[in-house]
N, C-alpha and C. Protein backbone atom coordinates (compact mmCIF):
# COMPACT_ATOMS: atom_id res chain seq x y z
N MET A 1 118.49 119.41 78.87
CA MET A 1 118.56 118.37 77.83
C MET A 1 117.94 117.07 78.36
N ILE A 2 117.10 116.46 77.55
CA ILE A 2 116.46 115.20 77.94
C ILE A 2 117.43 114.04 77.73
N LYS A 3 117.63 113.27 78.81
CA LYS A 3 118.52 112.11 78.74
C LYS A 3 117.79 110.79 79.01
N ASN A 4 116.62 110.87 79.63
CA ASN A 4 115.89 109.66 80.04
C ASN A 4 114.42 109.75 79.64
N ILE A 5 113.87 108.61 79.22
CA ILE A 5 112.45 108.56 78.83
C ILE A 5 111.74 107.55 79.73
N ILE A 6 110.66 108.02 80.38
CA ILE A 6 109.90 107.15 81.29
C ILE A 6 108.49 106.97 80.74
N PHE A 7 108.08 105.73 80.60
CA PHE A 7 106.76 105.39 80.07
C PHE A 7 105.85 104.83 81.14
N ASP A 8 104.63 105.33 81.20
CA ASP A 8 103.52 104.58 81.78
C ASP A 8 103.15 103.50 80.75
N PHE A 9 102.43 102.47 81.16
CA PHE A 9 102.09 101.39 80.22
C PHE A 9 100.62 101.40 79.79
N GLY A 10 99.70 101.25 80.74
CA GLY A 10 98.28 101.20 80.39
C GLY A 10 97.81 102.52 79.80
N GLY A 11 97.24 102.48 78.61
CA GLY A 11 96.78 103.69 77.94
C GLY A 11 97.86 104.39 77.15
N VAL A 12 99.10 103.94 77.29
CA VAL A 12 100.22 104.50 76.53
C VAL A 12 100.80 103.44 75.59
N LEU A 13 101.17 102.30 76.15
CA LEU A 13 101.70 101.20 75.33
C LEU A 13 100.75 100.01 75.24
N MET A 14 99.85 99.88 76.23
CA MET A 14 98.92 98.75 76.26
C MET A 14 97.47 99.24 76.32
N ASP A 15 96.62 98.59 75.55
CA ASP A 15 95.20 98.92 75.48
C ASP A 15 94.44 97.94 76.38
N TRP A 16 94.23 98.36 77.63
CA TRP A 16 93.51 97.52 78.61
C TRP A 16 92.19 98.18 78.96
N ASP A 17 91.13 97.39 78.98
CA ASP A 17 89.82 97.93 79.36
C ASP A 17 88.93 96.74 79.72
N PRO A 18 88.31 96.72 80.92
CA PRO A 18 87.44 95.60 81.28
C PRO A 18 86.27 95.41 80.33
N ARG A 19 85.94 96.45 79.57
CA ARG A 19 84.83 96.34 78.61
C ARG A 19 85.12 95.33 77.50
N TYR A 20 86.38 95.09 77.21
CA TYR A 20 86.70 94.11 76.17
C TYR A 20 86.17 92.72 76.55
N PHE A 21 86.10 92.43 77.83
CA PHE A 21 85.51 91.17 78.26
C PHE A 21 84.02 91.31 78.54
N PHE A 22 83.66 92.32 79.34
CA PHE A 22 82.28 92.38 79.83
C PHE A 22 81.26 92.77 78.77
N LYS A 23 81.70 93.35 77.68
CA LYS A 23 80.76 93.69 76.59
C LYS A 23 80.06 92.43 76.09
N THR A 24 80.83 91.38 75.90
CA THR A 24 80.27 90.10 75.45
C THR A 24 79.59 89.37 76.61
N TYR A 25 80.19 89.46 77.79
CA TYR A 25 79.65 88.76 78.96
C TYR A 25 78.22 89.22 79.25
N PHE A 26 78.01 90.52 79.31
CA PHE A 26 76.67 91.05 79.61
C PHE A 26 75.78 91.13 78.38
N ASN A 27 76.40 91.41 77.24
CA ASN A 27 75.64 91.65 76.01
C ASN A 27 74.56 92.71 76.23
N ASP A 28 74.90 93.67 77.07
CA ASP A 28 73.96 94.73 77.46
C ASP A 28 74.83 95.89 77.97
N ASP A 29 75.04 96.89 77.13
CA ASP A 29 75.98 97.96 77.48
C ASP A 29 75.56 98.71 78.74
N GLU A 30 74.26 98.92 78.90
CA GLU A 30 73.80 99.66 80.07
C GLU A 30 74.10 98.90 81.36
N LYS A 31 73.86 97.59 81.35
CA LYS A 31 74.14 96.78 82.54
C LYS A 31 75.64 96.71 82.80
N MET A 32 76.42 96.60 81.73
CA MET A 32 77.88 96.56 81.87
C MET A 32 78.39 97.83 82.52
N GLU A 33 77.95 98.98 82.02
CA GLU A 33 78.42 100.25 82.56
C GLU A 33 78.00 100.42 84.01
N TRP A 34 76.80 99.96 84.35
CA TRP A 34 76.35 100.05 85.74
C TRP A 34 77.25 99.21 86.64
N PHE A 35 77.56 98.01 86.21
CA PHE A 35 78.44 97.12 86.98
C PHE A 35 79.82 97.73 87.19
N LEU A 36 80.38 98.31 86.14
CA LEU A 36 81.73 98.88 86.24
C LEU A 36 81.74 100.20 87.02
N LYS A 37 80.63 100.89 87.04
CA LYS A 37 80.56 102.16 87.78
C LYS A 37 80.23 101.95 89.25
N ASN A 38 79.44 100.90 89.54
CA ASN A 38 78.91 100.74 90.89
C ASN A 38 79.45 99.54 91.66
N ILE A 39 79.97 98.54 90.97
CA ILE A 39 80.47 97.33 91.65
C ILE A 39 81.99 97.22 91.46
N ALA A 40 82.41 96.84 90.29
CA ALA A 40 83.85 96.68 90.01
C ALA A 40 84.43 98.02 89.58
N LYS A 41 84.49 98.94 90.52
CA LYS A 41 84.90 100.31 90.22
C LYS A 41 86.40 100.40 89.95
N ASP A 42 86.79 101.48 89.29
CA ASP A 42 88.21 101.74 89.08
C ASP A 42 88.96 101.81 90.40
N GLU A 43 88.34 102.39 91.40
CA GLU A 43 88.99 102.54 92.71
C GLU A 43 89.27 101.17 93.34
N TRP A 44 88.37 100.23 93.13
CA TRP A 44 88.57 98.86 93.64
C TRP A 44 89.74 98.20 92.92
N ASN A 45 89.77 98.28 91.62
CA ASN A 45 90.87 97.70 90.85
C ASN A 45 92.20 98.34 91.22
N ALA A 46 92.17 99.64 91.51
CA ALA A 46 93.41 100.35 91.86
C ALA A 46 94.05 99.81 93.12
N GLU A 47 93.24 99.28 94.04
CA GLU A 47 93.82 98.72 95.26
C GLU A 47 94.62 97.44 94.97
N GLN A 48 94.22 96.70 93.94
CA GLN A 48 95.04 95.55 93.51
C GLN A 48 96.35 96.08 92.88
N ASP A 49 96.24 97.19 92.15
CA ASP A 49 97.45 97.82 91.61
C ASP A 49 98.36 98.32 92.73
N ARG A 50 97.78 98.64 93.87
CA ARG A 50 98.55 99.14 95.01
C ARG A 50 99.20 98.00 95.80
N GLY A 51 98.81 96.76 95.51
CA GLY A 51 99.46 95.65 96.19
C GLY A 51 98.53 94.67 96.87
N ARG A 52 97.24 94.99 96.96
CA ARG A 52 96.31 94.01 97.51
C ARG A 52 96.21 92.83 96.55
N THR A 53 96.15 91.62 97.08
CA THR A 53 96.12 90.46 96.19
C THR A 53 94.78 90.39 95.45
N LEU A 54 94.78 89.72 94.30
CA LEU A 54 93.55 89.56 93.53
C LEU A 54 92.50 88.82 94.36
N LYS A 55 92.94 87.82 95.13
CA LYS A 55 92.00 87.05 95.96
C LYS A 55 91.39 87.94 97.03
N GLU A 56 92.22 88.72 97.71
CA GLU A 56 91.71 89.62 98.74
C GLU A 56 90.70 90.61 98.16
N GLY A 57 91.05 91.19 97.02
CA GLY A 57 90.17 92.17 96.38
C GLY A 57 88.86 91.54 95.96
N THR A 58 88.95 90.35 95.38
CA THR A 58 87.75 89.65 94.92
C THR A 58 86.85 89.26 96.09
N ASP A 59 87.45 88.67 97.14
CA ASP A 59 86.67 88.24 98.31
C ASP A 59 85.99 89.43 98.99
N LEU A 60 86.70 90.54 99.10
CA LEU A 60 86.13 91.73 99.74
C LEU A 60 84.92 92.25 98.97
N LEU A 61 85.04 92.29 97.65
CA LEU A 61 83.95 92.81 96.83
C LEU A 61 82.74 91.87 96.86
N ILE A 62 83.00 90.58 96.91
CA ILE A 62 81.90 89.61 97.00
C ILE A 62 81.16 89.75 98.34
N GLN A 63 81.92 90.01 99.41
CA GLN A 63 81.28 90.24 100.72
C GLN A 63 80.36 91.46 100.65
N GLN A 64 80.78 92.48 99.93
CA GLN A 64 79.99 93.71 99.83
C GLN A 64 78.82 93.57 98.88
N HIS A 65 78.98 92.73 97.84
CA HIS A 65 77.95 92.59 96.81
C HIS A 65 77.75 91.11 96.46
N PRO A 66 77.23 90.33 97.40
CA PRO A 66 77.12 88.87 97.17
C PRO A 66 76.26 88.49 95.97
N ASP A 67 75.31 89.32 95.60
CA ASP A 67 74.45 89.01 94.45
C ASP A 67 75.22 89.08 93.12
N TRP A 68 76.41 89.67 93.15
CA TRP A 68 77.22 89.83 91.95
C TRP A 68 78.46 88.92 91.96
N GLU A 69 78.42 87.88 92.76
CA GLU A 69 79.62 87.04 92.92
C GLU A 69 80.14 86.50 91.60
N LYS A 70 79.25 85.99 90.77
CA LYS A 70 79.67 85.40 89.50
C LYS A 70 80.41 86.43 88.63
N GLU A 71 79.83 87.61 88.54
CA GLU A 71 80.43 88.67 87.71
C GLU A 71 81.75 89.16 88.29
N ILE A 72 81.82 89.26 89.62
CA ILE A 72 83.04 89.72 90.28
C ILE A 72 84.17 88.71 90.06
N ARG A 73 83.86 87.43 90.21
CA ARG A 73 84.89 86.40 89.98
C ARG A 73 85.35 86.39 88.52
N ALA A 74 84.44 86.73 87.63
CA ALA A 74 84.78 86.74 86.20
C ALA A 74 85.81 87.83 85.88
N TYR A 75 85.90 88.85 86.72
CA TYR A 75 86.77 90.00 86.43
C TYR A 75 88.22 89.55 86.26
N TYR A 76 88.81 88.98 87.28
CA TYR A 76 90.22 88.60 87.16
C TYR A 76 90.41 87.25 86.48
N ASP A 77 89.35 86.42 86.48
CA ASP A 77 89.45 85.15 85.74
C ASP A 77 89.62 85.41 84.24
N ASN A 78 89.17 86.57 83.78
CA ASN A 78 89.21 86.89 82.35
C ASN A 78 90.04 88.14 82.07
N TRP A 79 90.97 88.42 82.98
CA TRP A 79 91.76 89.64 82.87
C TRP A 79 92.54 89.71 81.56
N THR A 80 93.04 88.58 81.07
CA THR A 80 93.85 88.62 79.84
C THR A 80 93.02 89.05 78.63
N THR A 81 91.71 88.80 78.66
CA THR A 81 90.84 89.27 77.57
C THR A 81 90.71 90.79 77.61
N MET A 82 90.82 91.36 78.81
CA MET A 82 90.73 92.82 78.95
C MET A 82 91.98 93.50 78.42
N LEU A 83 93.09 92.77 78.37
CA LEU A 83 94.33 93.30 77.81
C LEU A 83 94.27 93.05 76.31
N ASN A 84 93.67 93.99 75.62
CA ASN A 84 93.29 93.78 74.23
C ASN A 84 94.49 93.65 73.29
N SER A 85 95.42 94.60 73.39
CA SER A 85 96.57 94.59 72.48
C SER A 85 97.52 95.70 72.90
N ASP A 86 98.63 95.78 72.21
CA ASP A 86 99.49 96.95 72.40
C ASP A 86 98.88 98.14 71.64
N ILE A 87 99.49 99.31 71.79
CA ILE A 87 99.06 100.51 71.06
C ILE A 87 100.17 100.78 70.03
N PRO A 88 99.97 100.31 68.78
CA PRO A 88 101.08 100.19 67.82
C PRO A 88 101.87 101.47 67.57
N HIS A 89 101.19 102.63 67.41
CA HIS A 89 101.94 103.83 67.06
C HIS A 89 102.85 104.28 68.18
N ASN A 90 102.45 104.06 69.43
CA ASN A 90 103.31 104.43 70.55
C ASN A 90 104.42 103.41 70.77
N VAL A 91 104.11 102.14 70.54
CA VAL A 91 105.15 101.10 70.64
C VAL A 91 106.22 101.33 69.57
N GLU A 92 105.81 101.80 68.41
CA GLU A 92 106.78 102.09 67.34
C GLU A 92 107.73 103.20 67.78
N VAL A 93 107.22 104.23 68.45
CA VAL A 93 108.08 105.29 68.98
C VAL A 93 109.04 104.72 70.01
N LEU A 94 108.54 103.86 70.89
CA LEU A 94 109.39 103.20 71.89
C LEU A 94 110.54 102.46 71.21
N ARG A 95 110.22 101.71 70.16
CA ARG A 95 111.27 100.95 69.45
C ARG A 95 112.31 101.89 68.82
N GLN A 96 111.86 103.03 68.33
CA GLN A 96 112.78 103.99 67.72
C GLN A 96 113.70 104.62 68.77
N LEU A 97 113.20 104.76 69.98
CA LEU A 97 113.99 105.36 71.06
C LEU A 97 115.02 104.39 71.63
N ALA A 98 114.72 103.10 71.54
CA ALA A 98 115.60 102.08 72.14
C ALA A 98 117.00 102.17 71.55
N GLY A 99 117.98 102.17 72.44
CA GLY A 99 119.37 102.26 72.00
C GLY A 99 119.87 103.70 71.90
N LYS A 100 118.93 104.64 71.86
CA LYS A 100 119.29 106.06 71.78
C LYS A 100 119.15 106.75 73.14
N TYR A 101 118.19 106.29 73.93
CA TYR A 101 117.95 106.85 75.26
C TYR A 101 117.71 105.70 76.24
N PRO A 102 118.11 105.85 77.51
CA PRO A 102 117.69 104.89 78.52
C PRO A 102 116.17 104.95 78.69
N LEU A 103 115.53 103.80 78.74
CA LEU A 103 114.08 103.72 78.84
C LEU A 103 113.68 103.14 80.20
N TYR A 104 112.65 103.72 80.80
CA TYR A 104 112.18 103.29 82.11
C TYR A 104 110.66 103.15 82.08
N GLY A 105 110.14 102.28 82.94
CA GLY A 105 108.70 102.13 83.08
C GLY A 105 108.26 102.48 84.49
N LEU A 106 107.15 103.16 84.61
CA LEU A 106 106.52 103.46 85.91
C LEU A 106 105.04 103.21 85.74
N THR A 107 104.57 102.08 86.28
CA THR A 107 103.23 101.63 85.95
C THR A 107 102.41 101.29 87.19
N ASN A 108 101.13 101.65 87.16
CA ASN A 108 100.16 101.15 88.13
C ASN A 108 99.64 99.83 87.60
N TRP A 109 100.08 98.73 88.20
CA TRP A 109 99.74 97.41 87.67
C TRP A 109 99.88 96.40 88.80
N SER A 110 98.95 95.48 88.87
CA SER A 110 99.03 94.41 89.87
C SER A 110 100.28 93.57 89.67
N ALA A 111 100.94 93.24 90.77
CA ALA A 111 102.14 92.39 90.69
C ALA A 111 101.79 91.00 90.18
N GLU A 112 100.53 90.60 90.30
CA GLU A 112 100.12 89.26 89.87
C GLU A 112 99.80 89.20 88.38
N THR A 113 99.34 90.29 87.80
CA THR A 113 98.97 90.26 86.38
C THR A 113 100.06 90.81 85.46
N PHE A 114 100.95 91.65 85.99
CA PHE A 114 101.97 92.24 85.12
C PHE A 114 102.86 91.20 84.44
N PRO A 115 103.25 90.10 85.12
CA PRO A 115 104.11 89.12 84.44
C PRO A 115 103.53 88.59 83.13
N TYR A 116 102.20 88.52 83.02
CA TYR A 116 101.59 88.06 81.76
C TYR A 116 101.95 89.00 80.62
N ALA A 117 101.82 90.30 80.86
CA ALA A 117 102.16 91.28 79.82
C ALA A 117 103.64 91.20 79.49
N LEU A 118 104.46 91.07 80.51
CA LEU A 118 105.91 91.00 80.33
C LEU A 118 106.31 89.83 79.43
N GLU A 119 105.62 88.72 79.61
CA GLU A 119 105.95 87.51 78.86
C GLU A 119 105.38 87.51 77.44
N ASN A 120 104.29 88.25 77.23
CA ASN A 120 103.58 88.13 75.95
C ASN A 120 103.77 89.30 74.99
N TYR A 121 104.45 90.34 75.44
CA TYR A 121 104.71 91.49 74.56
C TYR A 121 106.20 91.80 74.60
N ASP A 122 106.86 91.52 73.48
CA ASP A 122 108.32 91.54 73.46
C ASP A 122 108.93 92.92 73.68
N PHE A 123 108.18 93.99 73.42
CA PHE A 123 108.77 95.33 73.55
C PHE A 123 109.13 95.66 74.99
N PHE A 124 108.56 94.94 75.97
CA PHE A 124 108.94 95.20 77.36
C PHE A 124 110.43 94.91 77.60
N LYS A 125 111.02 94.06 76.77
CA LYS A 125 112.45 93.77 76.91
C LYS A 125 113.31 95.02 76.67
N LEU A 126 112.77 95.99 75.94
CA LEU A 126 113.53 97.20 75.64
C LEU A 126 113.83 98.02 76.90
N PHE A 127 113.07 97.76 77.97
CA PHE A 127 113.31 98.48 79.22
C PHE A 127 114.44 97.86 80.04
N GLU A 128 114.89 96.69 79.63
CA GLU A 128 116.02 96.02 80.30
C GLU A 128 115.81 95.91 81.81
N GLY A 129 114.57 95.65 82.20
CA GLY A 129 114.26 95.45 83.61
C GLY A 129 114.10 96.71 84.43
N LYS A 130 114.25 97.86 83.80
CA LYS A 130 114.17 99.14 84.55
C LYS A 130 112.70 99.59 84.63
N ILE A 131 111.93 98.84 85.39
CA ILE A 131 110.49 99.07 85.50
C ILE A 131 110.09 99.08 86.97
N VAL A 132 109.36 100.11 87.38
CA VAL A 132 108.81 100.18 88.73
C VAL A 132 107.32 99.87 88.64
N VAL A 133 106.89 98.80 89.32
CA VAL A 133 105.50 98.32 89.27
C VAL A 133 104.83 98.61 90.61
N SER A 134 103.72 99.31 90.57
CA SER A 134 103.06 99.73 91.80
C SER A 134 102.71 98.56 92.71
N GLY A 135 102.20 97.49 92.13
CA GLY A 135 101.79 96.35 92.95
C GLY A 135 102.93 95.70 93.70
N THR A 136 104.12 95.76 93.13
CA THR A 136 105.32 95.22 93.79
C THR A 136 105.79 96.16 94.89
N GLU A 137 105.72 97.47 94.63
CA GLU A 137 106.20 98.47 95.59
C GLU A 137 105.17 98.78 96.67
N LYS A 138 103.91 98.38 96.43
CA LYS A 138 102.80 98.68 97.34
C LYS A 138 102.61 100.19 97.55
N MET A 139 102.76 100.90 96.46
CA MET A 139 102.46 102.33 96.40
C MET A 139 102.06 102.62 94.97
N ILE A 140 101.42 103.76 94.74
CA ILE A 140 100.74 103.93 93.46
C ILE A 140 100.78 105.39 93.00
N LYS A 141 100.85 105.58 91.70
CA LYS A 141 100.65 106.93 91.14
C LYS A 141 99.21 107.37 91.39
N PRO A 142 98.94 108.63 91.62
CA PRO A 142 99.83 109.78 91.46
C PRO A 142 100.63 110.15 92.70
N ASP A 143 100.69 109.27 93.72
CA ASP A 143 101.42 109.61 94.94
C ASP A 143 102.90 109.83 94.62
N ARG A 144 103.46 110.82 95.25
CA ARG A 144 104.85 111.18 94.99
C ARG A 144 105.82 110.04 95.33
N GLU A 145 105.47 109.24 96.34
CA GLU A 145 106.41 108.22 96.85
C GLU A 145 106.89 107.27 95.77
N ILE A 146 106.02 106.88 94.85
CA ILE A 146 106.44 105.92 93.84
C ILE A 146 107.35 106.58 92.80
N PHE A 147 107.16 107.88 92.57
CA PHE A 147 108.10 108.61 91.71
C PHE A 147 109.47 108.69 92.38
N ASP A 148 109.47 108.87 93.70
CA ASP A 148 110.74 108.91 94.43
C ASP A 148 111.49 107.58 94.33
N VAL A 149 110.74 106.47 94.32
CA VAL A 149 111.38 105.16 94.14
C VAL A 149 112.08 105.11 92.79
N LEU A 150 111.39 105.52 91.75
CA LEU A 150 111.99 105.53 90.40
C LEU A 150 113.25 106.40 90.36
N ILE A 151 113.14 107.60 90.91
CA ILE A 151 114.26 108.55 90.87
C ILE A 151 115.47 108.00 91.61
N SER A 152 115.25 107.48 92.82
CA SER A 152 116.38 107.02 93.63
C SER A 152 116.96 105.70 93.12
N ARG A 153 116.10 104.81 92.68
CA ARG A 153 116.59 103.49 92.24
C ARG A 153 117.48 103.60 91.00
N TYR A 154 117.12 104.51 90.10
CA TYR A 154 117.86 104.61 88.84
C TYR A 154 118.66 105.91 88.74
N HIS A 155 118.78 106.63 89.87
CA HIS A 155 119.63 107.83 89.94
C HIS A 155 119.26 108.83 88.83
N LEU A 156 117.98 109.09 88.72
CA LEU A 156 117.50 110.00 87.68
C LEU A 156 117.43 111.44 88.18
N LYS A 157 117.68 112.36 87.29
CA LYS A 157 117.42 113.78 87.55
C LYS A 157 116.15 114.14 86.78
N PRO A 158 115.08 114.50 87.50
CA PRO A 158 113.82 114.81 86.80
C PRO A 158 113.99 115.82 85.68
N GLU A 159 114.83 116.83 85.87
CA GLU A 159 114.98 117.88 84.86
C GLU A 159 115.66 117.36 83.59
N GLU A 160 116.21 116.14 83.65
CA GLU A 160 116.82 115.53 82.46
C GLU A 160 115.94 114.40 81.91
N SER A 161 114.70 114.33 82.37
CA SER A 161 113.84 113.19 82.06
C SER A 161 112.47 113.64 81.59
N VAL A 162 111.88 112.84 80.70
CA VAL A 162 110.50 113.10 80.28
C VAL A 162 109.64 111.92 80.71
N PHE A 163 108.46 112.25 81.25
CA PHE A 163 107.52 111.26 81.76
C PHE A 163 106.28 111.28 80.88
N ILE A 164 105.86 110.09 80.42
CA ILE A 164 104.74 109.95 79.48
C ILE A 164 103.63 109.16 80.16
N ASP A 165 102.41 109.71 80.20
CA ASP A 165 101.31 109.05 80.90
C ASP A 165 100.00 109.54 80.30
N ASP A 166 98.94 108.75 80.45
CA ASP A 166 97.62 109.15 79.95
C ASP A 166 96.74 109.73 81.05
N ASN A 167 97.24 109.75 82.29
CA ASN A 167 96.44 110.19 83.43
C ASN A 167 96.90 111.58 83.87
N ALA A 168 95.98 112.53 83.87
CA ALA A 168 96.33 113.93 84.17
C ALA A 168 96.90 114.10 85.58
N LYS A 169 96.40 113.33 86.55
CA LYS A 169 96.91 113.46 87.92
C LYS A 169 98.36 112.98 88.01
N ASN A 170 98.68 111.92 87.28
CA ASN A 170 100.06 111.43 87.27
C ASN A 170 100.99 112.44 86.60
N ILE A 171 100.50 113.03 85.54
CA ILE A 171 101.27 114.07 84.83
C ILE A 171 101.53 115.25 85.76
N ALA A 172 100.52 115.64 86.54
CA ALA A 172 100.67 116.78 87.45
C ALA A 172 101.74 116.51 88.50
N THR A 173 101.75 115.30 89.06
CA THR A 173 102.78 114.96 90.05
C THR A 173 104.16 115.00 89.42
N ALA A 174 104.29 114.40 88.25
CA ALA A 174 105.59 114.38 87.57
C ALA A 174 106.08 115.81 87.30
N ALA A 175 105.19 116.66 86.82
CA ALA A 175 105.56 118.04 86.52
C ALA A 175 106.00 118.77 87.79
N SER A 176 105.32 118.51 88.90
CA SER A 176 105.67 119.17 90.17
C SER A 176 107.05 118.75 90.66
N LEU A 177 107.51 117.58 90.23
CA LEU A 177 108.83 117.09 90.61
C LEU A 177 109.93 117.53 89.65
N GLY A 178 109.53 118.21 88.58
CA GLY A 178 110.51 118.74 87.64
C GLY A 178 110.67 117.98 86.35
N PHE A 179 109.88 116.92 86.14
CA PHE A 179 109.94 116.18 84.89
C PHE A 179 109.32 116.99 83.75
N ALA A 180 109.89 116.89 82.57
CA ALA A 180 109.15 117.25 81.36
C ALA A 180 108.08 116.17 81.19
N THR A 181 106.94 116.52 80.60
CA THR A 181 105.85 115.55 80.51
C THR A 181 105.21 115.55 79.14
N VAL A 182 104.66 114.38 78.78
CA VAL A 182 103.78 114.25 77.63
C VAL A 182 102.50 113.57 78.12
N HIS A 183 101.38 114.30 78.05
CA HIS A 183 100.09 113.75 78.45
C HIS A 183 99.45 113.11 77.22
N ILE A 184 99.32 111.80 77.26
CA ILE A 184 98.76 111.06 76.12
C ILE A 184 97.24 111.18 76.11
N LEU A 185 96.72 111.75 75.03
CA LEU A 185 95.29 111.83 74.76
C LEU A 185 95.03 111.05 73.47
N PRO A 186 93.75 110.80 73.14
CA PRO A 186 93.48 109.98 71.95
C PRO A 186 94.14 110.48 70.66
N ASP A 187 94.34 111.79 70.54
CA ASP A 187 94.89 112.32 69.29
C ASP A 187 96.36 112.74 69.42
N THR A 188 97.02 112.35 70.52
CA THR A 188 98.41 112.76 70.74
C THR A 188 99.35 112.03 69.77
N ASN A 189 100.21 112.79 69.13
CA ASN A 189 101.29 112.22 68.32
C ASN A 189 102.53 112.20 69.21
N LEU A 190 102.83 111.04 69.77
CA LEU A 190 103.90 110.94 70.76
C LEU A 190 105.26 111.35 70.19
N GLY A 191 105.55 110.91 68.99
CA GLY A 191 106.82 111.26 68.37
C GLY A 191 106.98 112.76 68.24
N GLU A 192 105.93 113.42 67.78
CA GLU A 192 105.96 114.89 67.62
C GLU A 192 106.18 115.59 68.96
N GLU A 193 105.46 115.14 69.97
CA GLU A 193 105.56 115.77 71.29
C GLU A 193 106.95 115.60 71.88
N LEU A 194 107.56 114.44 71.68
CA LEU A 194 108.91 114.22 72.21
C LEU A 194 109.93 115.09 71.47
N ARG A 195 109.74 115.22 70.15
CA ARG A 195 110.68 116.06 69.38
C ARG A 195 110.59 117.53 69.80
N LYS A 196 109.38 117.97 70.18
CA LYS A 196 109.22 119.34 70.68
C LYS A 196 110.03 119.57 71.95
N LEU A 197 110.24 118.50 72.71
CA LEU A 197 111.02 118.60 73.95
C LEU A 197 112.52 118.42 73.71
N GLY A 198 112.90 118.24 72.44
CA GLY A 198 114.32 118.09 72.12
C GLY A 198 114.82 116.66 72.08
N VAL A 199 113.89 115.70 72.09
CA VAL A 199 114.28 114.29 72.00
C VAL A 199 114.53 113.95 70.54
N ASN A 200 115.72 113.50 70.22
CA ASN A 200 116.09 113.20 68.83
C ASN A 200 116.16 111.71 68.60
N PHE A 201 115.39 111.25 67.62
CA PHE A 201 115.40 109.81 67.29
C PHE A 201 114.89 109.62 65.88
């Protein structure tokens, strides 16, 4: 029986993408994609999610690519523009679950930028502070260690919990630990998938 619901945030409840800023900045999709694939890579951003400071990450990338200093500095200077909006249909499911199930968050997110989302999107209050942030813990999904933090901190039994994420590697780790899972894809109906697992709301 499912007793606990755990949400990832980016791609599940929040629509974040650096393209929301850089599309206008470059006004050239090909150049934008080259920059995001070869300079400001996902792997680089993930290290800030793992706990490296924004300044350290920015300075390191500028050292490696000095010709792109202006664009690299623009990345975190305009981070709030990249956080486009919430994802309404999934947030609605979250609101329906509130009060019926304990809700938890497990997110790969920089400790420096997460407070902005926390302050500007009221649905985060529904988690009542039960959120594990990778940048604060200095560990990151899909590594098992951050799942262990969630489990031990909140005394969760994976077999009584469902984990929701848009990243297949994170889903695989959760499943290996015994969690029921919902892999969010563009056409996923979250409410339907949860009901299939026996979640009633």
